[in-house]
Amino acid sequence: MCGPFCNCTGCFNNTNQVKLRSEAIEIILEKQPEAFMSKYKTSVSKDNLAHKKGCNCRKSYCLKKYCECFAAGIICTDQCKCEECKNNNADLVGNLKKKVKMNDHEEKIMESKVLELI
């Protein structure tokens, strides 16, 4: 649900619209049963996370925030369909992520996603 940092206009994803929100979720789940499941899975070594479907980056070398793998702080895997990937070293990803500045709202979203996966 959207919280105090939400900048939406006409947002119905809040505590005032619980019934409407629940109905919308049911409709979406009928069409896509996996719609609200995590995009990430624990890798074979169980030390790291991996993207279930992988990213599809073309020109970013998977080193920008819009790469789903990079944004989650994980390296690209064989599941990814990216081109000219440079997101294949965990140390590099960690260092680059520190350089990418996130606002408070983005950090809270990232923290909540990580906590959901734990």
N, C-alpha and C. Protein backbone atom coordinates (compact mmCIF):
# COMPACT_ATOMS: atom_id res chain seq x y z
N MET A 1 0.83 -1.19 0.00
CA MET A 1 0.00 0.00 0.00
C MET A 1 0.86 1.24 0.00
N CYS A 2 0.35 2.26 -0.60
CA CYS A 2 1.08 3.52 -0.62
C CYS A 2 1.07 4.12 0.79
N GLY A 3 2.12 4.83 1.10
CA GLY A 3 2.26 5.41 2.42
C GLY A 3 2.43 6.91 2.35
N PRO A 4 3.00 7.49 3.38
CA PRO A 4 3.14 8.94 3.45
C PRO A 4 4.08 9.51 2.38
N PHE A 5 4.93 8.68 1.79
CA PHE A 5 5.85 9.17 0.76
C PHE A 5 5.27 9.07 -0.65
N CYS A 6 4.05 8.61 -0.75
CA CYS A 6 3.40 8.42 -2.05
C CYS A 6 3.13 9.78 -2.70
N ASN A 7 3.50 9.90 -3.96
CA ASN A 7 3.24 11.13 -4.72
C ASN A 7 2.16 10.90 -5.77
N CYS A 8 1.39 9.82 -5.62
CA CYS A 8 0.36 9.50 -6.60
C CYS A 8 -0.74 10.56 -6.60
N THR A 9 -1.39 10.69 -7.73
CA THR A 9 -2.55 11.56 -7.85
C THR A 9 -3.76 10.66 -8.03
N GLY A 10 -4.77 10.82 -7.20
CA GLY A 10 -5.95 9.97 -7.29
C GLY A 10 -5.66 8.52 -6.93
N CYS A 11 -4.81 8.30 -5.98
CA CYS A 11 -4.35 6.97 -5.59
C CYS A 11 -5.45 6.22 -4.82
N PHE A 12 -5.68 4.97 -5.20
CA PHE A 12 -6.64 4.12 -4.50
C PHE A 12 -5.94 3.00 -3.74
N ASN A 13 -4.64 3.01 -3.72
CA ASN A 13 -3.85 1.98 -3.05
C ASN A 13 -3.52 2.44 -1.63
N ASN A 14 -4.58 2.67 -0.83
CA ASN A 14 -4.39 3.16 0.53
C ASN A 14 -5.42 2.53 1.47
N THR A 15 -5.33 2.84 2.74
CA THR A 15 -6.20 2.23 3.75
C THR A 15 -7.64 2.69 3.62
N ASN A 16 -7.90 3.79 2.95
CA ASN A 16 -9.28 4.27 2.77
C ASN A 16 -10.02 3.48 1.70
N GLN A 17 -9.32 2.75 0.88
CA GLN A 17 -9.91 2.04 -0.26
C GLN A 17 -9.64 0.53 -0.20
N VAL A 18 -9.67 -0.05 0.99
CA VAL A 18 -9.29 -1.45 1.17
C VAL A 18 -10.16 -2.38 0.34
N LYS A 19 -11.48 -2.17 0.34
CA LYS A 19 -12.38 -3.06 -0.40
C LYS A 19 -12.10 -3.00 -1.91
N LEU A 20 -12.00 -1.79 -2.44
CA LEU A 20 -11.72 -1.62 -3.86
C LEU A 20 -10.37 -2.22 -4.23
N ARG A 21 -9.39 -2.02 -3.36
CA ARG A 21 -8.04 -2.57 -3.59
C ARG A 21 -8.07 -4.09 -3.61
N SER A 22 -8.79 -4.69 -2.66
CA SER A 22 -8.89 -6.16 -2.59
C SER A 22 -9.55 -6.73 -3.84
N GLU A 23 -10.60 -6.07 -4.32
CA GLU A 23 -11.28 -6.52 -5.54
C GLU A 23 -10.33 -6.45 -6.74
N ALA A 24 -9.56 -5.38 -6.83
CA ALA A 24 -8.61 -5.24 -7.93
C ALA A 24 -7.54 -6.33 -7.88
N ILE A 25 -7.07 -6.64 -6.69
CA ILE A 25 -6.06 -7.68 -6.52
C ILE A 25 -6.62 -9.04 -6.95
N GLU A 26 -7.86 -9.34 -6.58
CA GLU A 26 -8.49 -10.60 -6.97
C GLU A 26 -8.58 -10.73 -8.48
N ILE A 27 -8.97 -9.66 -9.16
CA ILE A 27 -9.09 -9.67 -10.61
C ILE A 27 -7.73 -9.93 -11.27
N ILE A 28 -6.71 -9.26 -10.75
CA ILE A 28 -5.36 -9.44 -11.30
C ILE A 28 -4.88 -10.87 -11.08
N LEU A 29 -5.13 -11.42 -9.89
CA LEU A 29 -4.68 -12.78 -9.59
C LEU A 29 -5.40 -13.83 -10.43
N GLU A 30 -6.64 -13.55 -10.82
CA GLU A 30 -7.35 -14.47 -11.71
C GLU A 30 -6.66 -14.56 -13.07
N LYS A 31 -6.17 -13.41 -13.54
CA LYS A 31 -5.50 -13.37 -14.85
C LYS A 31 -4.06 -13.84 -14.77
N GLN A 32 -3.37 -13.46 -13.68
CA GLN A 32 -1.95 -13.80 -13.50
C GLN A 32 -1.72 -14.29 -12.08
N PRO A 33 -1.81 -15.60 -11.84
CA PRO A 33 -1.66 -16.13 -10.48
C PRO A 33 -0.33 -15.77 -9.80
N GLU A 34 0.72 -15.51 -10.57
CA GLU A 34 2.02 -15.20 -9.98
C GLU A 34 2.30 -13.70 -9.93
N ALA A 35 1.28 -12.87 -10.13
CA ALA A 35 1.46 -11.43 -10.27
C ALA A 35 2.15 -10.78 -9.07
N PHE A 36 1.86 -11.23 -7.88
CA PHE A 36 2.41 -10.57 -6.70
C PHE A 36 3.50 -11.38 -6.01
N MET A 37 3.98 -12.41 -6.68
CA MET A 37 5.07 -13.21 -6.12
C MET A 37 6.41 -12.50 -6.38
N SER A 38 7.38 -12.83 -5.60
CA SER A 38 8.70 -12.24 -5.74
C SER A 38 9.31 -12.59 -7.09
N LYS A 39 10.06 -11.64 -7.67
CA LYS A 39 10.76 -11.88 -8.93
C LYS A 39 12.10 -12.56 -8.69
N TYR A 40 12.44 -12.76 -7.43
CA TYR A 40 13.76 -13.27 -7.09
C TYR A 40 13.66 -14.62 -6.39
N LYS A 41 14.70 -15.43 -6.57
CA LYS A 41 14.78 -16.73 -5.92
C LYS A 41 16.17 -16.88 -5.32
N THR A 42 16.30 -17.78 -4.38
CA THR A 42 17.60 -18.06 -3.81
C THR A 42 18.38 -18.89 -4.81
N SER A 43 19.63 -18.52 -5.04
CA SER A 43 20.45 -19.24 -6.02
C SER A 43 20.83 -20.62 -5.49
N VAL A 44 21.45 -21.40 -6.33
CA VAL A 44 21.84 -22.77 -6.00
C VAL A 44 22.72 -22.80 -4.76
N SER A 45 23.64 -21.84 -4.64
CA SER A 45 24.53 -21.82 -3.49
C SER A 45 23.83 -21.33 -2.23
N LYS A 46 22.61 -20.79 -2.38
CA LYS A 46 21.80 -20.25 -1.28
C LYS A 46 22.47 -19.08 -0.58
N ASP A 47 23.54 -18.55 -1.14
CA ASP A 47 24.19 -17.39 -0.57
C ASP A 47 23.67 -16.10 -1.20
N ASN A 48 23.21 -16.19 -2.43
CA ASN A 48 22.80 -15.01 -3.18
C ASN A 48 21.39 -15.17 -3.72
N LEU A 49 20.82 -14.04 -4.10
CA LEU A 49 19.53 -14.05 -4.78
C LEU A 49 19.77 -14.04 -6.28
N ALA A 50 18.81 -14.54 -7.02
CA ALA A 50 18.88 -14.51 -8.48
C ALA A 50 17.50 -14.12 -9.00
N HIS A 51 17.47 -13.46 -10.13
CA HIS A 51 16.22 -13.06 -10.76
C HIS A 51 15.60 -14.28 -11.43
N LYS A 52 14.31 -14.52 -11.23
CA LYS A 52 13.66 -15.71 -11.80
C LYS A 52 13.67 -15.70 -13.32
N LYS A 53 13.31 -14.60 -13.93
CA LYS A 53 13.24 -14.53 -15.39
C LYS A 53 14.45 -13.86 -16.00
N GLY A 54 15.15 -13.07 -15.22
CA GLY A 54 16.31 -12.35 -15.73
C GLY A 54 15.93 -11.01 -16.33
N CYS A 55 16.91 -10.18 -16.54
CA CYS A 55 16.66 -8.85 -17.12
C CYS A 55 16.78 -8.91 -18.64
N ASN A 56 16.42 -7.82 -19.28
CA ASN A 56 16.45 -7.73 -20.76
C ASN A 56 17.19 -6.48 -21.22
N CYS A 57 18.18 -6.06 -20.50
CA CYS A 57 18.87 -4.80 -20.80
C CYS A 57 19.57 -4.86 -22.16
N ARG A 58 19.56 -3.74 -22.86
CA ARG A 58 20.17 -3.69 -24.20
C ARG A 58 21.40 -2.78 -24.25
N LYS A 59 21.30 -1.56 -23.70
CA LYS A 59 22.39 -0.59 -23.87
C LYS A 59 23.01 -0.13 -22.55
N SER A 60 22.46 -0.54 -21.43
CA SER A 60 22.93 -0.02 -20.14
C SER A 60 24.07 -0.84 -19.54
N TYR A 61 24.43 -1.95 -20.17
CA TYR A 61 25.45 -2.87 -19.64
C TYR A 61 25.03 -3.43 -18.28
N CYS A 62 23.75 -3.29 -17.94
CA CYS A 62 23.19 -3.75 -16.65
C CYS A 62 23.85 -3.04 -15.47
N LEU A 63 24.23 -1.79 -15.67
CA LEU A 63 24.86 -1.02 -14.60
C LEU A 63 24.07 0.24 -14.26
N LYS A 64 22.78 0.24 -14.56
CA LYS A 64 21.91 1.38 -14.26
C LYS A 64 20.78 0.89 -13.36
N LYS A 65 20.12 1.83 -12.67
CA LYS A 65 19.05 1.46 -11.74
C LYS A 65 17.86 0.79 -12.41
N TYR A 66 17.64 1.00 -13.69
CA TYR A 66 16.48 0.36 -14.32
C TYR A 66 16.74 -1.09 -14.70
N CYS A 67 17.92 -1.58 -14.52
CA CYS A 67 18.18 -3.02 -14.63
C CYS A 67 17.66 -3.66 -13.35
N GLU A 68 16.72 -4.59 -13.47
CA GLU A 68 16.12 -5.19 -12.28
C GLU A 68 17.15 -5.93 -11.43
N CYS A 69 18.10 -6.58 -12.05
CA CYS A 69 19.14 -7.28 -11.29
C CYS A 69 20.01 -6.29 -10.52
N PHE A 70 20.51 -5.27 -11.22
CA PHE A 70 21.36 -4.27 -10.59
C PHE A 70 20.63 -3.55 -9.47
N ALA A 71 19.37 -3.19 -9.70
CA ALA A 71 18.58 -2.47 -8.69
C ALA A 71 18.40 -3.31 -7.42
N ALA A 72 18.35 -4.62 -7.58
CA ALA A 72 18.20 -5.51 -6.42
C ALA A 72 19.55 -5.87 -5.80
N GLY A 73 20.64 -5.41 -6.43
CA GLY A 73 21.97 -5.69 -5.89
C GLY A 73 22.45 -7.09 -6.16
N ILE A 74 21.96 -7.69 -7.24
CA ILE A 74 22.39 -9.05 -7.59
C ILE A 74 23.05 -9.03 -8.96
N ILE A 75 23.90 -10.02 -9.20
CA ILE A 75 24.56 -10.10 -10.51
C ILE A 75 23.65 -10.81 -11.51
N CYS A 76 23.84 -10.55 -12.77
CA CYS A 76 23.07 -11.20 -13.83
C CYS A 76 23.46 -12.67 -13.92
N THR A 77 22.51 -13.49 -14.35
CA THR A 77 22.72 -14.93 -14.45
C THR A 77 22.40 -15.41 -15.87
N ASP A 78 22.43 -16.70 -16.06
CA ASP A 78 22.10 -17.29 -17.36
C ASP A 78 20.65 -17.05 -17.74
N GLN A 79 19.81 -16.75 -16.76
CA GLN A 79 18.39 -16.47 -17.03
C GLN A 79 18.21 -15.14 -17.75
N CYS A 80 19.15 -14.24 -17.61
CA CYS A 80 19.06 -12.91 -18.21
C CYS A 80 19.24 -12.98 -19.72
N LYS A 81 18.57 -12.05 -20.39
CA LYS A 81 18.67 -11.95 -21.85
C LYS A 81 19.33 -10.63 -22.23
N CYS A 82 20.17 -10.14 -21.35
CA CYS A 82 20.82 -8.85 -21.56
C CYS A 82 21.93 -8.95 -22.61
N GLU A 83 22.31 -7.80 -23.14
CA GLU A 83 23.37 -7.72 -24.15
C GLU A 83 24.55 -6.93 -23.59
N GLU A 84 25.75 -7.40 -23.82
CA GLU A 84 26.98 -6.74 -23.38
C GLU A 84 26.96 -6.46 -21.87
N CYS A 85 26.57 -7.46 -21.10
CA CYS A 85 26.42 -7.32 -19.66
C CYS A 85 27.76 -7.11 -18.96
N LYS A 86 27.77 -6.18 -18.03
CA LYS A 86 28.95 -5.96 -17.19
C LYS A 86 28.60 -6.16 -15.71
N ASN A 87 27.39 -6.64 -15.45
CA ASN A 87 26.92 -6.89 -14.09
C ASN A 87 27.16 -8.36 -13.75
N ASN A 88 28.43 -8.74 -13.70
CA ASN A 88 28.75 -10.13 -13.45
C ASN A 88 29.75 -10.32 -12.32
N ASN A 89 29.98 -9.27 -11.55
CA ASN A 89 30.92 -9.33 -10.45
C ASN A 89 30.25 -8.71 -9.23
N ALA A 90 30.04 -9.50 -8.19
CA ALA A 90 29.31 -9.04 -7.00
C ALA A 90 29.97 -7.82 -6.35
N ASP A 91 31.31 -7.78 -6.31
CA ASP A 91 32.00 -6.64 -5.70
C ASP A 91 31.75 -5.36 -6.50
N LEU A 92 31.78 -5.49 -7.81
CA LEU A 92 31.54 -4.34 -8.68
C LEU A 92 30.12 -3.80 -8.48
N VAL A 93 29.14 -4.71 -8.40
CA VAL A 93 27.75 -4.30 -8.22
C VAL A 93 27.60 -3.56 -6.89
N GLY A 94 28.20 -4.08 -5.84
CA GLY A 94 28.10 -3.43 -4.54
C GLY A 94 28.69 -2.03 -4.56
N ASN A 95 29.85 -1.88 -5.18
CA ASN A 95 30.50 -0.57 -5.26
C ASN A 95 29.71 0.42 -6.10
N LEU A 96 29.17 -0.05 -7.23
CA LEU A 96 28.38 0.84 -8.09
C LEU A 96 27.08 1.24 -7.42
N LYS A 97 26.46 0.31 -6.71
CA LYS A 97 25.20 0.64 -6.04
C LYS A 97 25.41 1.74 -5.01
N LYS A 98 26.56 1.76 -4.38
CA LYS A 98 26.84 2.83 -3.41
C LYS A 98 26.90 4.18 -4.10
N LYS A 99 27.36 4.18 -5.36
CA LYS A 99 27.47 5.44 -6.10
C LYS A 99 26.12 5.92 -6.60
N VAL A 100 25.17 5.00 -6.80
CA VAL A 100 23.84 5.38 -7.28
C VAL A 100 23.07 5.97 -6.11
N LYS A 101 22.67 7.20 -6.25
CA LYS A 101 21.96 7.85 -5.15
C LYS A 101 20.47 7.55 -5.27
N MET A 102 19.88 7.17 -4.14
CA MET A 102 18.45 6.92 -4.10
C MET A 102 17.83 7.91 -3.13
N ASN A 103 16.63 8.37 -3.44
CA ASN A 103 15.94 9.22 -2.48
C ASN A 103 15.35 8.33 -1.38
N ASP A 104 14.81 8.95 -0.33
CA ASP A 104 14.30 8.19 0.81
C ASP A 104 13.22 7.20 0.40
N HIS A 105 12.35 7.62 -0.49
CA HIS A 105 11.25 6.75 -0.93
C HIS A 105 11.81 5.51 -1.64
N GLU A 106 12.77 5.68 -2.53
CA GLU A 106 13.36 4.56 -3.25
C GLU A 106 14.08 3.62 -2.28
N GLU A 107 14.79 4.18 -1.29
CA GLU A 107 15.48 3.35 -0.31
C GLU A 107 14.50 2.53 0.50
N LYS A 108 13.38 3.13 0.90
CA LYS A 108 12.38 2.40 1.68
C LYS A 108 11.75 1.28 0.86
N ILE A 109 11.50 1.53 -0.42
CA ILE A 109 10.96 0.49 -1.30
C ILE A 109 11.96 -0.65 -1.41
N MET A 110 13.24 -0.32 -1.63
CA MET A 110 14.27 -1.35 -1.76
C MET A 110 14.39 -2.16 -0.47
N GLU A 111 14.36 -1.47 0.69
CA GLU A 111 14.45 -2.16 1.96
C GLU A 111 13.28 -3.11 2.15
N SER A 112 12.07 -2.66 1.79
CA SER A 112 10.90 -3.52 1.96
C SER A 112 10.97 -4.74 1.04
N LYS A 113 11.48 -4.57 -0.18
CA LYS A 113 11.63 -5.70 -1.10
C LYS A 113 12.63 -6.71 -0.54
N VAL A 114 13.72 -6.21 0.01
CA VAL A 114 14.73 -7.10 0.57
C VAL A 114 14.16 -7.84 1.76
N LEU A 115 13.41 -7.14 2.62
CA LEU A 115 12.83 -7.79 3.79
C LEU A 115 11.79 -8.86 3.39
N GLU A 116 11.04 -8.62 2.30
CA GLU A 116 10.09 -9.61 1.82
C GLU A 116 10.80 -10.90 1.40
N LEU A 117 12.00 -10.77 0.90
CA LEU A 117 12.74 -11.92 0.39
C LEU A 117 13.39 -12.74 1.50
N ILE A 118 13.54 -12.13 2.65
CA ILE A 118 14.23 -12.83 3.77
C ILE A 118 13.31 -13.80 4.47
